[in-house]
């Protein structure tokens, strides 16, 4: 564990500095012992400083996912996401957290060409954000790249199964592993990524039995999303979990309906502005008596 203290400030960004023990790649990897994880790993996405502050006390890991392309920027997929986007949001999340390990997604086109390209981009992400790890998609084909990075002091989270950056090849976002051949390939991908040195692996959008098989057979902790409750941990896109969007994947459980609550607050504000009942004396400045 490394110690990290939020810089003292009078701004909204850091209202109360909190010292704490930051999770590390070895501490996450060490949660799985002899094939079992006693305490499941909690992971959520974060894209902003404030959301990181709110999620950090409850999470072992915060993922600055390339899903920000859709969630923050309204893009049709993760494909157009850039390195600049990932670095800017990654740095904000690191500034807003002190306990969780922060990992940043490597965007499409930043690591596929060669291990050397991956190292150049991953090292830039780590330098500019202060994050502790990067995540990249792909199985056996990406194993040499993962090994290259881990041997050069860059912790890597793997990602197999439904890989959103490969949506054009996969033909959509449907669950993977329905056919035995595809299921076997996903399991082989997870094993290859594990053997290459990934300290944990996201398994997304696969049949429950496939996720259970991977969790039992692979040494690294398996973080499920649309997978199985038996995985070593779980991750969701926070905005989906909070009910910020009308349409969400089948595997998302909505823990709140923030969209409705925000809309209602905006409606009340608009009514008060139009009625000139806001601001009141409590929100205005007057000469001191």
Protein backbone atom coordinates (compact mmCIF):
# COMPACT_ATOMS: atom_id res chain seq x y z
CA UNK A 1 0.00 0.00 0.00
CA UNK A 2 1.12 3.54 -0.68
CA UNK A 3 0.05 6.55 1.36
CA UNK A 4 -1.65 9.46 -0.36
CA UNK A 5 -3.00 12.69 1.14
CA UNK A 6 -5.30 15.06 -0.69
CA UNK A 7 -3.84 18.54 -0.83
CA UNK A 8 -5.51 20.97 1.57
CA UNK A 9 -7.66 23.55 -0.19
CA UNK A 10 -10.57 25.89 0.49
CA UNK A 11 -12.20 25.12 -2.86
CA UNK A 12 -15.12 22.79 -3.50
CA UNK A 13 -12.66 20.27 -4.90
CA UNK A 14 -11.13 19.28 -1.58
CA UNK A 15 -13.38 20.43 1.27
CA UNK A 16 -11.77 18.06 3.77
CA UNK A 17 -8.41 16.39 3.09
CA UNK A 18 -8.46 12.70 3.95
CA UNK A 19 -5.26 10.69 4.36
CA UNK A 20 -5.53 7.03 3.57
CA UNK A 21 -4.01 3.84 2.28
CA UNK A 22 -4.25 3.65 -1.51
CA UNK A 23 -5.00 0.20 -2.95
CA UNK A 24 -2.29 -1.19 -5.22
CA UNK A 25 -2.12 -3.77 -8.00
CA UNK A 26 -0.47 -6.37 -5.70
CA UNK A 27 -3.10 -5.80 -3.00
CA UNK A 28 -5.90 -6.36 -5.54
CA UNK A 29 -4.18 -9.43 -7.00
CA UNK A 30 -3.60 -10.76 -3.49
CA UNK A 31 -7.33 -10.79 -2.70
CA UNK A 32 -7.63 -14.09 -4.59
CA UNK A 33 -5.95 -16.90 -2.68
CA UNK A 34 -6.00 -20.53 -3.82
CA UNK A 35 -8.66 -19.69 -6.37
CA UNK A 36 -11.02 -17.95 -3.95
CA UNK A 37 -11.73 -14.33 -3.01
CA UNK A 38 -13.17 -14.00 0.48
CA UNK A 39 -14.09 -10.33 0.11
CA UNK A 40 -15.37 -9.50 -3.39
CA UNK A 41 -13.68 -6.57 -5.14
CA UNK A 42 -15.85 -3.47 -5.65
CA UNK A 43 -15.26 -1.41 -8.79
CA UNK A 44 -17.19 1.46 -10.38
CA UNK A 45 -16.47 3.90 -13.18
CA UNK A 46 -15.62 7.54 -12.46
CA UNK A 47 -14.92 10.36 -14.89
CA UNK A 48 -14.85 13.47 -12.68
CA UNK A 49 -13.18 14.64 -9.50
CA UNK A 50 -16.43 15.00 -7.55
CA UNK A 51 -17.78 11.59 -8.49
CA UNK A 52 -14.44 10.08 -7.51
CA UNK A 53 -14.74 11.72 -4.08
CA UNK A 54 -18.21 10.24 -3.57
CA UNK A 55 -17.36 6.73 -4.77
CA UNK A 56 -13.86 6.37 -3.35
CA UNK A 57 -14.75 5.41 0.25
CA UNK A 58 -16.85 2.50 -1.01
CA UNK A 59 -14.68 1.12 -3.82
CA UNK A 60 -11.49 -0.89 -4.12
CA UNK A 61 -10.97 0.33 -7.67
CA UNK A 62 -12.19 3.26 -9.76
CA UNK A 63 -12.11 2.78 -13.51
CA UNK A 64 -11.84 5.78 -15.80
CA UNK A 65 -13.53 3.90 -18.60
CA UNK A 66 -13.59 4.83 -22.25
CA UNK A 67 -17.34 4.55 -21.73
CA UNK A 68 -16.96 8.28 -20.98
CA UNK A 69 -17.24 8.70 -24.74
CA UNK A 70 -20.92 7.79 -24.51
CA UNK A 71 -21.65 8.89 -20.94
CA UNK A 72 -19.92 12.30 -20.98
CA UNK A 73 -19.54 13.20 -24.65
CA UNK A 74 -22.60 11.60 -26.24
CA UNK A 75 -20.58 9.65 -28.78
CA UNK A 76 -22.14 6.60 -30.47
CA UNK A 77 -19.45 4.20 -29.21
CA UNK A 78 -16.07 4.13 -27.48
CA UNK A 79 -14.19 4.10 -30.80
CA UNK A 80 -13.77 7.93 -31.15
CA UNK A 81 -12.38 8.38 -27.61
CA UNK A 82 -8.92 10.00 -27.59
CA UNK A 83 -5.84 9.88 -25.41
CA UNK A 84 -6.41 13.51 -24.46
CA UNK A 85 -9.88 12.65 -23.12
CA UNK A 86 -8.60 9.71 -21.08
CA UNK A 87 -5.70 11.68 -19.62
CA UNK A 88 -7.82 14.69 -18.65
CA UNK A 89 -10.51 12.64 -16.92
CA UNK A 90 -8.00 10.23 -15.41
CA UNK A 91 -6.15 13.08 -13.72
CA UNK A 92 -9.41 14.47 -12.32
CA UNK A 93 -10.35 11.10 -10.81
CA UNK A 94 -6.94 10.64 -9.25
CA UNK A 95 -7.23 14.10 -7.66
CA UNK A 96 -10.61 13.18 -6.20
CA UNK A 97 -9.61 9.86 -4.63
CA UNK A 98 -7.27 8.63 -1.95
CA UNK A 99 -8.20 5.01 -1.22
CA UNK A 100 -9.20 3.23 -4.42
CA UNK A 101 -6.76 2.09 -7.08
CA UNK A 102 -7.44 4.24 -10.15
CA UNK A 103 -7.14 2.52 -13.53
CA UNK A 104 -7.51 4.26 -16.89
CA UNK A 105 -8.73 2.64 -20.11
CA UNK A 106 -6.39 2.76 -23.07
CA UNK A 107 -8.50 4.09 -25.97
CA UNK A 108 -8.96 2.33 -29.27
CA UNK A 109 -5.91 2.67 -31.49
CA UNK A 110 -3.47 3.41 -28.66
CA UNK A 111 -2.08 -0.11 -28.07
CA UNK A 112 -3.03 -2.53 -30.85
CA UNK A 113 -0.22 -1.80 -33.32
CA UNK A 114 2.66 -3.06 -31.19
CA UNK A 115 3.84 -3.51 -27.61
CA UNK A 116 6.10 -0.51 -28.10
CA UNK A 117 3.16 1.68 -29.11
CA UNK A 118 1.26 0.41 -26.07
CA UNK A 119 4.14 1.30 -23.77
CA UNK A 120 4.43 4.82 -25.19
CA UNK A 121 0.72 5.47 -24.68
CA UNK A 122 0.44 3.71 -21.32
CA UNK A 123 3.41 5.57 -19.91
CA UNK A 124 1.88 8.86 -21.06
CA UNK A 125 -1.39 8.00 -19.31
CA UNK A 126 0.41 7.13 -16.06
CA UNK A 127 2.59 10.25 -16.17
CA UNK A 128 -0.24 12.68 -16.92
CA UNK A 129 -2.86 11.19 -14.59
CA UNK A 130 -0.98 9.63 -11.68
CA UNK A 131 -3.09 6.48 -12.05
CA UNK A 132 -1.86 3.10 -10.83
CA UNK A 133 -2.83 0.94 -13.81
CA UNK A 134 -4.16 0.85 -17.34
CA UNK A 135 -6.81 -1.41 -18.84
CA UNK A 136 -6.82 -2.77 -22.36
CA UNK A 137 -9.15 -5.06 -24.27
CA UNK A 138 -8.30 -8.33 -25.97
CA UNK A 139 -7.26 -11.88 -25.21
CA UNK A 140 -4.57 -14.08 -26.71
CA UNK A 141 -3.66 -11.50 -29.36
CA UNK A 142 -2.94 -8.91 -26.66
CA UNK A 143 -1.09 -11.24 -24.27
CA UNK A 144 2.38 -10.32 -25.60
CA UNK A 145 1.54 -6.62 -25.15
CA UNK A 146 0.35 -7.17 -21.59
CA UNK A 147 3.54 -9.07 -20.81
CA UNK A 148 5.62 -6.31 -22.39
CA UNK A 149 3.93 -3.66 -20.24
CA UNK A 150 4.00 -5.56 -16.95
CA UNK A 151 7.70 -6.32 -17.39
CA UNK A 152 8.21 -2.57 -17.74
CA UNK A 153 6.46 -1.61 -14.50
CA UNK A 154 3.01 -0.84 -15.90
CA UNK A 155 0.24 -2.77 -14.10
CA UNK A 156 -2.43 -3.97 -16.52
CA UNK A 157 -6.08 -4.95 -16.16
CA UNK A 158 -7.25 -7.31 -18.89
CA UNK A 159 -10.69 -7.29 -20.53
CA UNK A 160 -12.22 -10.28 -22.35
CA UNK A 161 -15.63 -11.45 -23.50
CA UNK A 162 -17.72 -8.61 -24.86
CA UNK A 163 -15.09 -6.01 -25.74
CA UNK A 164 -16.80 -2.73 -26.75
CA UNK A 165 -13.87 -1.48 -28.82
CA UNK A 166 -14.37 -4.53 -31.06
CA UNK A 167 -18.07 -3.81 -31.62
CA UNK A 168 -17.59 -3.57 -35.38
CA UNK A 169 -16.07 -7.05 -35.51
CA UNK A 170 -18.49 -8.56 -33.00
CA UNK A 171 -21.48 -7.08 -34.79
CA UNK A 172 -23.13 -5.63 -31.69
CA UNK A 173 -23.29 -5.74 -27.91
CA UNK A 174 -24.99 -9.11 -27.45
CA UNK A 175 -23.83 -11.61 -24.81
CA UNK A 176 -20.87 -13.73 -25.82
CA UNK A 177 -20.14 -17.41 -25.29
CA UNK A 178 -23.44 -18.88 -26.43
CA UNK A 179 -21.69 -21.31 -28.75
CA UNK A 180 -19.18 -23.80 -27.35
CA UNK A 181 -16.40 -22.66 -29.70
CA UNK A 182 -16.79 -19.03 -28.65
CA UNK A 183 -17.00 -19.96 -24.96
CA UNK A 184 -13.77 -21.95 -25.25
CA UNK A 185 -12.10 -18.98 -26.95
CA UNK A 186 -13.12 -16.58 -24.17
CA UNK A 187 -11.77 -18.97 -21.52
CA UNK A 188 -8.51 -19.31 -23.49
CA UNK A 189 -8.33 -15.51 -23.77
CA UNK A 190 -8.69 -15.12 -20.01
CA UNK A 191 -6.00 -17.69 -19.33
CA UNK A 192 -3.61 -16.03 -21.80
CA UNK A 193 -4.16 -12.59 -20.25
CA UNK A 194 -3.63 -14.06 -16.77
CA UNK A 195 -0.40 -15.80 -17.76
CA UNK A 196 0.81 -12.58 -19.41
CA UNK A 197 0.69 -10.83 -16.03
CA UNK A 198 -2.62 -8.95 -15.79
CA UNK A 199 -3.33 -8.42 -12.07
CA UNK A 200 -7.08 -8.69 -12.63
CA UNK A 201 -9.38 -9.25 -15.59
CA UNK A 202 -12.73 -7.72 -16.50
CA UNK A 203 -15.07 -10.31 -18.01
CA UNK A 204 -17.99 -8.60 -19.72
CA UNK A 205 -21.26 -9.76 -21.23
CA UNK A 206 -20.75 -13.52 -21.19
CA UNK A 207 -23.00 -16.41 -20.23
CA UNK A 208 -22.99 -17.05 -16.48
CA UNK A 209 -21.52 -20.53 -16.83
CA UNK A 210 -18.61 -19.17 -18.87
CA UNK A 211 -17.86 -16.53 -16.22
CA UNK A 212 -18.02 -19.16 -13.47
CA UNK A 213 -15.62 -21.37 -15.41
CA UNK A 214 -13.15 -18.53 -15.91
CA UNK A 215 -13.34 -17.50 -12.25
CA UNK A 216 -12.55 -21.05 -11.15
CA UNK A 217 -9.74 -21.67 -13.66
CA UNK A 218 -7.88 -18.34 -13.75
CA UNK A 219 -5.50 -17.19 -11.04
CA UNK A 220 -6.11 -13.44 -11.36
CA UNK A 221 -9.25 -11.94 -9.80
CA UNK A 222 -12.15 -11.82 -12.26
CA UNK A 223 -14.24 -8.65 -12.26
CA UNK A 224 -17.64 -9.34 -13.73
CA UNK A 225 -19.97 -7.02 -15.63
CA UNK A 226 -22.92 -8.86 -17.07
CA UNK A 227 -21.23 -12.09 -16.01
CA UNK A 228 -21.83 -13.89 -12.69
CA UNK A 229 -22.27 -13.20 -8.98
CA UNK A 230 -19.56 -15.80 -8.40
CA UNK A 231 -16.89 -13.58 -9.98
CA UNK A 232 -14.20 -12.23 -7.65
CA UNK A 233 -15.64 -8.72 -7.98
CA UNK A 234 -18.09 -6.58 -9.92
CA UNK A 235 -17.99 -3.36 -11.95
CA UNK A 236 -20.76 -1.19 -13.40
CA UNK A 237 -20.90 2.11 -15.23
CA UNK A 238 -21.86 4.43 -12.36
CA UNK A 239 -24.22 6.56 -14.43
CA UNK A 240 -26.16 3.44 -15.43
CA UNK A 241 -26.32 2.21 -11.84
CA UNK A 242 -27.60 5.59 -10.66
CA UNK A 243 -30.36 5.73 -13.27
CA UNK A 244 -29.04 8.63 -15.30
CA UNK A 245 -30.12 7.09 -18.61
CA UNK A 246 -33.41 5.66 -19.84
CA UNK A 247 -31.75 2.83 -21.73
CA UNK A 248 -29.29 0.58 -19.94
CA UNK A 249 -27.95 -2.93 -20.58
CA UNK A 250 -29.93 -5.87 -19.19
CA UNK A 251 -27.21 -6.63 -16.62
CA UNK A 252 -27.49 -3.22 -14.92
CA UNK A 253 -29.34 -2.92 -11.62
CA UNK A 254 -30.59 0.61 -10.99
CA UNK A 255 -29.84 1.63 -7.42
CA UNK A 256 -31.39 5.08 -7.82
CA UNK A 257 -33.29 7.27 -10.29
CA UNK A 258 -31.10 10.35 -10.28
CA UNK A 259 -32.31 11.49 -13.69
CA UNK A 260 -35.83 11.99 -12.35
CA UNK A 261 -34.58 13.69 -9.18
CA UNK A 262 -32.32 16.07 -11.11
CA UNK A 263 -35.13 16.88 -13.53
CA UNK A 264 -37.49 17.63 -10.63
CA UNK A 265 -34.94 19.88 -8.92
CA UNK A 266 -34.41 21.79 -12.17
CA UNK A 267 -38.19 22.16 -12.59
CA UNK A 268 -38.61 23.63 -9.08
CA UNK A 269 -35.70 26.01 -9.67
CA UNK A 270 -37.15 27.16 -13.00
CA UNK A 271 -40.57 27.76 -11.41
CA UNK A 272 -39.03 29.86 -8.62
CA UNK A 273 -36.95 31.92 -11.03
CA UNK A 274 -39.99 32.67 -13.19
CA UNK A 275 -42.02 33.54 -10.09
CA UNK A 276 -39.18 35.74 -8.77
CA UNK A 277 -39.27 33.78 -5.52
CA UNK A 278 -35.56 32.96 -5.93
CA UNK A 279 -33.23 34.36 -4.78
CA UNK A 280 -34.54 35.21 -1.32
CA UNK A 281 -32.80 37.45 1.25
CA UNK A 282 -30.88 34.35 2.36
CA UNK A 283 -29.17 34.23 -1.02
CA UNK A 284 -28.50 37.93 -1.60
CA UNK A 285 -26.03 40.46 -0.19
CA UNK A 286 -27.16 43.64 1.63
CA UNK A 287 -25.35 46.41 3.49
CA UNK A 288 -24.36 45.44 7.01
CA UNK A 289 -26.40 47.30 9.62
